[in-house]
C-alpha atoms as a PDB file:
ATOM      1  CA  MET A   1     -13.345  16.849 -10.012  1.00  0.00           C
ATOM      2  CA  SER A   2     -10.174  16.802 -12.081  1.00  0.00           C
ATOM      3  CA  VAL A   3      -7.072  16.305  -9.925  1.00  0.00           C
ATOM      4  CA  GLU A   4      -3.521  16.931 -11.105  1.00  0.00           C
ATOM      5  CA  LEU A   5      -0.946  15.398  -8.787  1.00  0.00           C
ATOM      6  CA  GLU A   6       2.217  17.356  -8.086  1.00  0.00           C
ATOM      7  CA  THR A   7       5.594  15.694  -8.627  1.00  0.00           C
ATOM      8  CA  THR A   8       8.173  16.125  -5.846  1.00  0.00           C
ATOM      9  CA  TRP A   9      11.756  15.021  -5.251  1.00  0.00           C
ATOM     10  CA  THR A  10      13.338  14.615  -1.807  1.00  0.00           C
ATOM     11  CA  GLU A  11      16.843  13.485  -0.891  1.00  0.00           C
ATOM     12  CA  VAL A  12      16.810  10.777   1.775  1.00  0.00           C
ATOM     13  CA  HIS A  13      20.100   9.262   2.949  1.00  0.00           C
ATOM     14  CA  GLY A  14      21.722  10.124  -0.362  1.00  0.00           C
ATOM     15  CA  LEU A  15      18.876   8.798  -2.535  1.00  0.00           C
ATOM     16  CA  ARG A  16      16.487  10.934  -4.577  1.00  0.00           C
ATOM     17  CA  ILE A  17      12.952   9.826  -3.772  1.00  0.00           C
ATOM     18  CA  HIS A  18      10.138  10.656  -6.164  1.00  0.00           C
ATOM     19  CA  ALA A  19       6.557  11.169  -4.974  1.00  0.00           C
ATOM     20  CA  ARG A  20       3.200  12.417  -6.201  1.00  0.00           C
ATOM     21  CA  GLN A  21       1.067  14.530  -3.902  1.00  0.00           C
ATOM     22  CA  GLU A  22      -1.886  16.875  -3.598  1.00  0.00           C
ATOM     23  CA  LEU A  23      -2.135  18.894  -0.395  1.00  0.00           C
ATOM     24  CA  ASN A  24      -4.451  21.796  -1.180  1.00  0.00           C
ATOM     25  CA  LEU A  25      -7.840  20.385  -2.170  1.00  0.00           C
ATOM     26  CA  ALA A  26      -8.888  18.796   1.121  1.00  0.00           C
ATOM     27  CA  PRO A  27     -10.856  20.610   3.832  1.00  0.00           C
ATOM     28  CA  PRO A  28      -8.660  22.273   6.478  1.00  0.00           C
ATOM     29  CA  GLN A  29      -7.311  20.201   9.379  1.00  0.00           C
ATOM     30  CA  ARG A  30      -7.897  16.872   7.682  1.00  0.00           C
ATOM     31  CA  PRO A  31      -5.222  14.245   8.545  1.00  0.00           C
ATOM     32  CA  PRO A  32      -2.869  13.300   5.695  1.00  0.00           C
ATOM     33  CA  ILE A  33      -2.669   9.875   4.085  1.00  0.00           C
ATOM     34  CA  VAL A  34       0.365   8.116   2.604  1.00  0.00           C
ATOM     35  CA  LEU A  35      -0.245   5.468  -0.069  1.00  0.00           C
ATOM     36  CA  VAL A  36       2.186   2.539  -0.128  1.00  0.00           C
ATOM     37  CA  HIS A  37       2.587   0.620  -3.397  1.00  0.00           C
ATOM     38  CA  GLY A  38       3.314  -3.072  -3.927  1.00  0.00           C
ATOM     39  CA  VAL A  39       5.972  -5.281  -5.518  1.00  0.00           C
ATOM     40  CA  ALA A  40       8.090  -3.428  -8.100  1.00  0.00           C
ATOM     41  CA  VAL A  41       5.290  -0.990  -8.931  1.00  0.00           C
ATOM     42  CA  SER A  42       5.138   2.703  -8.011  1.00  0.00           C
ATOM     43  CA  SER A  43       3.057   5.782  -7.349  1.00  0.00           C
ATOM     44  CA  ARG A  44       1.816   5.442 -10.934  1.00  0.00           C
ATOM     45  CA  ASN A  45      -0.064   2.339  -9.800  1.00  0.00           C
ATOM     46  CA  MET A  46      -1.536   4.247  -6.842  1.00  0.00           C
ATOM     47  CA  ALA A  47      -2.397   7.415  -8.800  1.00  0.00           C
ATOM     48  CA  PRO A  48      -6.119   6.623  -9.177  1.00  0.00           C
ATOM     49  CA  SER A  49      -6.459   6.340  -5.401  1.00  0.00           C
ATOM     50  CA  ALA A  50      -4.311   9.422  -4.819  1.00  0.00           C
ATOM     51  CA  GLU A  51      -6.607  11.422  -7.098  1.00  0.00           C
ATOM     52  CA  ALA A  52      -9.696   9.997  -5.377  1.00  0.00           C
ATOM     53  CA  PHE A  53      -8.409  10.815  -1.876  1.00  0.00           C
ATOM     54  CA  ALA A  54      -7.172  14.319  -2.760  1.00  0.00           C
ATOM     55  CA  PRO A  55     -10.509  16.179  -2.289  1.00  0.00           C
ATOM     56  CA  HIS A  56     -10.882  14.586   1.157  1.00  0.00           C
ATOM     57  CA  MET A  57      -7.421  14.692   2.766  1.00  0.00           C
ATOM     58  CA  PRO A  58      -3.854  15.656   1.885  1.00  0.00           C
ATOM     59  CA  VAL A  59      -2.381  12.721  -0.018  1.00  0.00           C
ATOM     60  CA  TYR A  60       1.187  11.554  -0.584  1.00  0.00           C
ATOM     61  CA  SER A  61       2.258   8.660  -2.807  1.00  0.00           C
ATOM     62  CA  PRO A  62       6.022   7.994  -2.846  1.00  0.00           C
ATOM     63  CA  ASP A  63       8.071   5.670  -5.026  1.00  0.00           C
ATOM     64  CA  LEU A  64      10.077   3.563  -2.581  1.00  0.00           C
ATOM     65  CA  PRO A  65      13.824   3.154  -3.264  1.00  0.00           C
ATOM     66  CA  GLY A  66      14.405   1.057  -6.372  1.00  0.00           C
ATOM     67  CA  HIS A  67      10.849   1.616  -7.580  1.00  0.00           C
ATOM     68  CA  GLY A  68       9.334   4.013 -10.094  1.00  0.00           C
ATOM     69  CA  ARG A  69      11.471   7.092 -10.579  1.00  0.00           C
ATOM     70  CA  SER A  70      13.294   6.908  -7.230  1.00  0.00           C
ATOM     71  CA  ASP A  71      16.978   6.022  -6.967  1.00  0.00           C
ATOM     72  CA  ASN A  72      18.146   2.491  -6.306  1.00  0.00           C
ATOM     73  CA  ALA A  73      19.868   1.697  -3.041  1.00  0.00           C
ATOM     74  CA  ASP A  74      23.107  -0.310  -3.081  1.00  0.00           C
ATOM     75  CA  HIS A  75      20.997  -3.483  -2.757  1.00  0.00           C
ATOM     76  CA  VAL A  76      17.359  -4.469  -3.182  1.00  0.00           C
ATOM     77  CA  LEU A  77      15.784  -3.527   0.131  1.00  0.00           C
ATOM     78  CA  ALA A  78      14.029  -6.107   2.282  1.00  0.00           C
ATOM     79  CA  THR A  79      10.555  -5.432   3.670  1.00  0.00           C
ATOM     80  CA  HIS A  80      11.699  -3.935   6.967  1.00  0.00           C
ATOM     81  CA  GLU A  81      14.288  -1.816   5.141  1.00  0.00           C
ATOM     82  CA  LEU A  82      11.604  -0.421   2.841  1.00  0.00           C
ATOM     83  CA  ALA A  83       9.564   0.413   5.949  1.00  0.00           C
ATOM     84  CA  ASP A  84      12.516   2.259   7.481  1.00  0.00           C
ATOM     85  CA  ALA A  85      13.072   4.077   4.175  1.00  0.00           C
ATOM     86  CA  LEU A  86       9.429   5.187   4.157  1.00  0.00           C
ATOM     87  CA  ALA A  87       9.720   6.482   7.723  1.00  0.00           C
ATOM     88  CA  ALA A  88      12.942   8.316   6.780  1.00  0.00           C
ATOM     89  CA  TRP A  89      11.184   9.914   3.800  1.00  0.00           C
ATOM     90  CA  MET A  90       8.390  11.086   6.117  1.00  0.00           C
ATOM     91  CA  ASP A  91      11.094  12.635   8.310  1.00  0.00           C
ATOM     92  CA  ALA A  92      12.691  14.342   5.341  1.00  0.00           C
ATOM     93  CA  ILE A  93       9.452  16.014   4.187  1.00  0.00           C
ATOM     94  CA  GLY A  94       8.438  16.996   7.727  1.00  0.00           C
ATOM     95  CA  LEU A  95       5.508  14.581   8.005  1.00  0.00           C
ATOM     96  CA  ARG A  96       5.446  13.621  11.680  1.00  0.00           C
ATOM     97  CA  SER A  97       2.568  11.158  11.371  1.00  0.00           C
ATOM     98  CA  ALA A  98      -0.119  10.142   8.895  1.00  0.00           C
ATOM     99  CA  ASN A  99      -2.661   7.528   7.983  1.00  0.00           C
ATOM    100  CA  LEU A 100      -1.048   4.775   5.913  1.00  0.00           C
ATOM    101  CA  LEU A 101      -2.814   2.770   3.212  1.00  0.00           C
ATOM    102  CA  GLY A 102      -1.013  -0.118   1.572  1.00  0.00           C
ATOM    103  CA  ASN A 103      -2.033  -2.375  -1.273  1.00  0.00           C
ATOM    104  CA  SER A 104      -0.748  -5.951  -1.552  1.00  0.00           C
ATOM    105  CA  PHE A 105       2.974  -6.000  -0.608  1.00  0.00           C
ATOM    106  CA  GLY A 106       2.494  -2.364   0.382  1.00  0.00           C
ATOM    107  CA  CYS A 107       0.454  -3.735   3.305  1.00  0.00           C
ATOM    108  CA  GLN A 108       3.514  -5.628   4.522  1.00  0.00           C
ATOM    109  CA  ILE A 109       5.610  -2.457   4.329  1.00  0.00           C
ATOM    110  CA  ALA A 110       2.939  -0.318   5.998  1.00  0.00           C
ATOM    111  CA  ALA A 111       2.505  -2.922   8.747  1.00  0.00           C
ATOM    112  CA  GLU A 112       6.261  -2.857   9.396  1.00  0.00           C
ATOM    113  CA  VAL A 113       6.162   0.946   9.649  1.00  0.00           C
ATOM    114  CA  ALA A 114       3.303   0.731  12.173  1.00  0.00           C
ATOM    115  CA  ALA A 115       5.174  -1.862  14.238  1.00  0.00           C
ATOM    116  CA  ARG A 116       8.674  -0.348  13.999  1.00  0.00           C
ATOM    117  CA  HIS A 117       7.699   3.340  14.054  1.00  0.00           C
ATOM    118  CA  PRO A 118       4.335   3.479  15.867  1.00  0.00           C
ATOM    119  CA  GLU A 119       4.523   7.239  16.350  1.00  0.00           C
ATOM    120  CA  ARG A 120       4.350   7.638  12.560  1.00  0.00           C
ATOM    121  CA  VAL A 121       1.000   5.916  12.023  1.00  0.00           C
ATOM    122  CA  ASP A 122      -2.346   7.342  13.119  1.00  0.00           C
ATOM    123  CA  ARG A 123      -4.565   4.793  11.374  1.00  0.00           C
ATOM    124  CA  LEU A 124      -3.709   1.953   9.049  1.00  0.00           C
ATOM    125  CA  VAL A 125      -5.556   0.493   6.047  1.00  0.00           C
ATOM    126  CA  LEU A 126      -4.400  -2.849   4.651  1.00  0.00           C
ATOM    127  CA  GLN A 127      -6.026  -3.345   1.254  1.00  0.00           C
ATOM    128  CA  GLY A 128      -5.396  -6.918   0.108  1.00  0.00           C
ATOM    129  CA  PRO A 129      -2.653  -7.848   2.613  1.00  0.00           C
ATOM    130  CA  THR A 130      -0.118 -10.396   1.400  1.00  0.00           C
ATOM    131  CA  THR A 131       1.301 -12.962   1.953  1.00  0.00           C
ATOM    132  CA  ASP A 132      -1.188 -15.670   2.943  1.00  0.00           C
ATOM    133  CA  PRO A 133       0.838 -18.000   5.225  1.00  0.00           C
ATOM    134  CA  LEU A 134      -0.844 -21.074   3.716  1.00  0.00           C
ATOM    135  CA  ALA A 135       0.368 -20.049   0.258  1.00  0.00           C
ATOM    136  CA  ARG A 136       3.932 -19.076   1.078  1.00  0.00           C
ATOM    137  CA  SER A 137       5.575 -20.389  -2.067  1.00  0.00           C
ATOM    138  CA  TYR A 138       6.464 -18.855  -5.410  1.00  0.00           C
ATOM    139  CA  ALA A 139       4.276 -21.348  -7.271  1.00  0.00           C
ATOM    140  CA  HIS A 140       1.184 -20.613  -5.166  1.00  0.00           C
ATOM    141  CA  GLN A 141       1.648 -16.886  -5.529  1.00  0.00           C
ATOM    142  CA  VAL A 142       2.248 -16.931  -9.297  1.00  0.00           C
ATOM    143  CA  VAL A 143      -0.891 -19.005  -9.855  1.00  0.00           C
ATOM    144  CA  ARG A 144      -2.938 -16.610  -7.696  1.00  0.00           C
ATOM    145  CA  TRP A 145      -1.525 -13.561  -9.506  1.00  0.00           C
ATOM    146  CA  ILE A 146      -2.398 -15.062 -12.887  1.00  0.00           C
ATOM    147  CA  ARG A 147      -5.961 -15.703 -11.703  1.00  0.00           C
ATOM    148  CA  ASN A 148      -6.197 -12.129 -10.459  1.00  0.00           C
ATOM    149  CA  GLY A 149      -4.853 -10.781 -13.742  1.00  0.00           C
ATOM    150  CA  ARG A 150      -7.683 -12.464 -15.591  1.00  0.00           C
ATOM    151  CA  LEU A 151     -10.171 -10.741 -13.288  1.00  0.00           C
ATOM    152  CA  GLU A 152      -8.664  -7.266 -13.581  1.00  0.00           C
ATOM    153  CA  GLY A 153      -8.097  -7.231 -17.325  1.00  0.00           C
ATOM    154  CA  SER A 154      -5.600  -5.463 -19.550  1.00  0.00           C
ATOM    155  CA  THR A 155      -5.819  -1.935 -18.086  1.00  0.00           C
ATOM    156  CA  GLN A 156      -4.344  -2.919 -14.732  1.00  0.00           C
ATOM    157  CA  ALA A 157      -1.879  -5.262 -16.446  1.00  0.00           C
ATOM    158  CA  ASP A 158      -0.601  -2.428 -18.659  1.00  0.00           C
ATOM    159  CA  VAL A 159       0.091  -0.165 -15.683  1.00  0.00           C
ATOM    160  CA  THR A 160       1.804  -2.958 -13.772  1.00  0.00           C
ATOM    161  CA  MET A 161       3.982  -3.960 -16.731  1.00  0.00           C
ATOM    162  CA  LYS A 162       5.167  -0.368 -17.202  1.00  0.00           C
ATOM    163  CA  ASP A 163       6.182  -0.232 -13.538  1.00  0.00           C
ATOM    164  CA  TRP A 164       7.895  -3.618 -13.696  1.00  0.00           C
ATOM    165  CA  ARG A 165       9.889  -2.505 -16.735  1.00  0.00           C
ATOM    166  CA  ASP A 166      10.968   0.637 -14.865  1.00  0.00           C
ATOM    167  CA  ALA A 167      12.010  -1.365 -11.806  1.00  0.00           C
ATOM    168  CA  GLY A 168      13.887  -3.974 -13.823  1.00  0.00           C
ATOM    169  CA  PRO A 169      14.149  -7.746 -13.328  1.00  0.00           C
ATOM    170  CA  LYS A 170      16.517  -7.613 -10.347  1.00  0.00           C
ATOM    171  CA  VAL A 171      14.199  -5.437  -8.234  1.00  0.00           C
ATOM    172  CA  LEU A 172      11.126  -7.342  -9.410  1.00  0.00           C
ATOM    173  CA  LEU A 173      12.457 -10.803  -8.589  1.00  0.00           C
ATOM    174  CA  LYS A 174      14.182  -9.946  -5.318  1.00  0.00           C
ATOM    175  CA  THR A 175      11.279  -7.848  -4.029  1.00  0.00           C
ATOM    176  CA  PHE A 176       8.877 -10.650  -4.930  1.00  0.00           C
ATOM    177  CA  ARG A 177      11.106 -12.979  -2.905  1.00  0.00           C
ATOM    178  CA  HIS A 178      10.926 -10.605   0.064  1.00  0.00           C
ATOM    179  CA  CYS A 179       7.146 -10.443  -0.332  1.00  0.00           C
ATOM    180  CA  VAL A 180       6.759 -14.218  -0.225  1.00  0.00           C
ATOM    181  CA  ARG A 181       9.204 -14.795   2.647  1.00  0.00           C
ATOM    182  CA  HIS A 182       8.082 -11.925   4.876  1.00  0.00           C
ATOM    183  CA  ARG A 183       5.910 -13.127   7.776  1.00  0.00           C
ATOM    184  CA  ILE A 184       3.291 -10.421   8.153  1.00  0.00           C
ATOM    185  CA  GLU A 185       1.474 -12.656  10.646  1.00  0.00           C
ATOM    186  CA  ASP A 186       4.334 -12.021  13.091  1.00  0.00           C
ATOM    187  CA  VAL A 187       4.089  -8.249  12.588  1.00  0.00           C
ATOM    188  CA  LEU A 188       0.329  -7.692  12.894  1.00  0.00           C
ATOM    189  CA  PRO A 189       0.116  -8.451  16.655  1.00  0.00           C
ATOM    190  CA  ARG A 190       2.704  -5.709  17.316  1.00  0.00           C
ATOM    191  CA  ILE A 191       0.589  -2.953  15.742  1.00  0.00           C
ATOM    192  CA  ASP A 192      -1.157  -0.526  18.091  1.00  0.00           C
ATOM    193  CA  ALA A 193      -2.776   1.707  15.457  1.00  0.00           C
ATOM    194  CA  PRO A 194      -6.451   1.108  14.648  1.00  0.00           C
ATOM    195  CA  THR A 195      -6.388  -0.943  11.462  1.00  0.00           C
ATOM    196  CA  LEU A 196      -8.926  -1.625   8.736  1.00  0.00           C
ATOM    197  CA  VAL A 197      -8.419  -4.667   6.505  1.00  0.00           C
ATOM    198  CA  VAL A 198     -10.106  -4.294   3.114  1.00  0.00           C
ATOM    199  CA  ARG A 199     -10.625  -7.321   0.885  1.00  0.00           C
ATOM    200  CA  GLY A 200     -12.141  -7.564  -2.565  1.00  0.00           C
ATOM    201  CA  GLU A 201     -14.833 -10.211  -2.588  1.00  0.00           C
ATOM    202  CA  LEU A 202     -13.265 -11.959  -5.608  1.00  0.00           C
ATOM    203  CA  ASP A 203      -9.599 -11.521  -4.601  1.00  0.00           C
ATOM    204  CA  PRO A 204      -7.789 -14.839  -5.319  1.00  0.00           C
ATOM    205  CA  ILE A 205      -4.546 -13.607  -3.713  1.00  0.00           C
ATOM    206  CA  VAL A 206      -6.147 -12.839  -0.334  1.00  0.00           C
ATOM    207  CA  PRO A 207      -8.821 -15.440   0.435  1.00  0.00           C
ATOM    208  CA  GLN A 208     -11.499 -14.637   2.998  1.00  0.00           C
ATOM    209  CA  ARG A 209      -9.970 -17.088   5.472  1.00  0.00           C
ATOM    210  CA  TRP A 210      -6.658 -15.223   5.468  1.00  0.00           C
ATOM    211  CA  ALA A 211      -8.323 -11.789   5.605  1.00  0.00           C
ATOM    212  CA  GLN A 212     -10.216 -12.893   8.721  1.00  0.00           C
ATOM    213  CA  GLU A 213      -7.103 -14.391  10.278  1.00  0.00           C
ATOM    214  CA  ALA A 214      -5.063 -11.247   9.600  1.00  0.00           C
ATOM    215  CA  THR A 215      -7.777  -9.111  11.197  1.00  0.00           C
ATOM    216  CA  SER A 216      -7.925 -11.363  14.271  1.00  0.00           C
ATOM    217  CA  LEU A 217      -4.171 -10.952  14.804  1.00  0.00           C
ATOM    218  CA  LEU A 218      -4.516  -7.180  15.164  1.00  0.00           C
ATOM    219  CA  ARG A 219      -5.007  -5.526  18.555  1.00  0.00           C
ATOM    220  CA  ASP A 220      -7.556  -3.133  17.072  1.00  0.00           C
ATOM    221  CA  GLY A 221      -8.607  -4.556  13.722  1.00  0.00           C
ATOM    222  CA  ARG A 222     -11.739  -4.735  11.658  1.00  0.00           C
ATOM    223  CA  LEU A 223     -12.520  -6.208   8.246  1.00  0.00           C
ATOM    224  CA  VAL A 224     -14.665  -4.980   5.360  1.00  0.00           C
ATOM    225  CA  VAL A 225     -15.260  -6.687   2.019  1.00  0.00           C
ATOM    226  CA  LEU A 226     -15.972  -4.807  -1.203  1.00  0.00           C
ATOM    227  CA  PRO A 227     -18.461  -6.800  -3.304  1.00  0.00           C
ATOM    228  CA  GLY A 228     -17.387  -7.786  -6.806  1.00  0.00           C
ATOM    229  CA  ALA A 229     -13.844  -6.434  -6.399  1.00  0.00           C
ATOM    230  CA  SER A 230     -10.544  -8.235  -6.974  1.00  0.00           C
ATOM    231  CA  HIS A 231      -7.077  -7.553  -5.532  1.00  0.00           C
ATOM    232  CA  THR A 232      -5.928  -4.125  -6.706  1.00  0.00           C
ATOM    233  CA  ILE A 233      -8.871  -2.040  -5.515  1.00  0.00           C
ATOM    234  CA  THR A 234      -6.546   0.966  -5.231  1.00  0.00           C
ATOM    235  CA  ASN A 235      -6.311   1.001  -9.014  1.00  0.00           C
ATOM    236  CA  THR A 236      -9.511  -0.612 -10.262  1.00  0.00           C
ATOM    237  CA  ARG A 237     -12.147   0.833  -7.862  1.00  0.00           C
ATOM    238  CA  PRO A 238     -10.493   3.833  -6.159  1.00  0.00           C
ATOM    239  CA  HIS A 239     -13.601   5.949  -5.529  1.00  0.00           C
ATOM    240  CA  GLU A 240     -15.421   3.048  -3.905  1.00  0.00           C
ATOM    241  CA  LEU A 241     -12.330   2.408  -1.787  1.00  0.00           C
ATOM    242  CA  VAL A 242     -12.298   6.018  -0.606  1.00  0.00           C
ATOM    243  CA  GLU A 243     -16.008   5.902   0.189  1.00  0.00           C
ATOM    244  CA  LEU A 244     -15.438   2.704   2.152  1.00  0.00           C
ATOM    245  CA  VAL A 245     -12.454   3.778   4.257  1.00  0.00           C
ATOM    246  CA  LEU A 246     -12.944   7.525   4.706  1.00  0.00           C
ATOM    247  CA  PRO A 247     -15.299   7.216   7.704  1.00  0.00           C
ATOM    248  CA  PHE A 248     -12.748   4.954   9.400  1.00  0.00           C
ATOM    249  CA  LEU A 249      -9.920   7.411   8.734  1.00  0.00           C
ATOM    250  CA  LEU A 250     -11.903  10.422   9.936  1.00  0.00           C
ATOM    251  CA  GLN A 251     -14.101   8.979  12.695  1.00  0.00           C
ATOM    252  CA  GLY A 252     -12.970   5.451  13.328  1.00  0.00           C
ATOM    253  CA  ASP A 253     -15.793   3.449  11.756  1.00  0.00           C
ATOM    254  CA  PRO A 254     -15.840   1.892   8.299  1.00  0.00           C
ATOM    255  CA  ARG A 255     -18.864   2.399   6.108  1.00  0.00           C
ATOM    256  CA  PRO A 256     -21.144  -0.681   6.459  1.00  0.00           C
END
């Protein structure tokens, strides 16, 4: 099925926030899902997953402030500020609650939303949650990202580079700093929403040890591993991701 995402603009606290969405293809009464992008990327990076989810549930994919086509705030927002901005955007569009799915740093933002605004999150999917506490340094993370880039090839790199150019070096570097310093391990135990952690079997950024630890910190967490996949499953294997998580989002159980 060919899916054409709609472009929307919403003013939130004086900032114009850009998003892509498709609300009309899914069966009636299906719960909506909000896709949360990673460091200095945007809804462009999440578009393959948005298109894959669209026939199954209403899907929203915003550009957070300072990212993609959205306005910049007066400073580069920290992780918890990005979470509050996402909750405010949900308010502005009339979305009382939704499933949230984050990729990479988007997991840290989505986790903060679930902890700070629990009424907003029905179910939570953390696909490749950063940052591994045993690799909390810029050097460790850069090495792991380079290794992942070799796995994912030029197509993913091209999309990411376009987003990084749009964001600019200030947003890229400062958001990366927030990503590395943010302690997601302190946030996960505060989350009440049922949560599915998804790891790519070959992901060098999120080793199996950390994926298991992150899952164990959750009050209601479970872990699934996608064979042969790397870090950015949302972009590289979106249809398999949807097949994997849809049962969890609709009935509470991930596909074996």
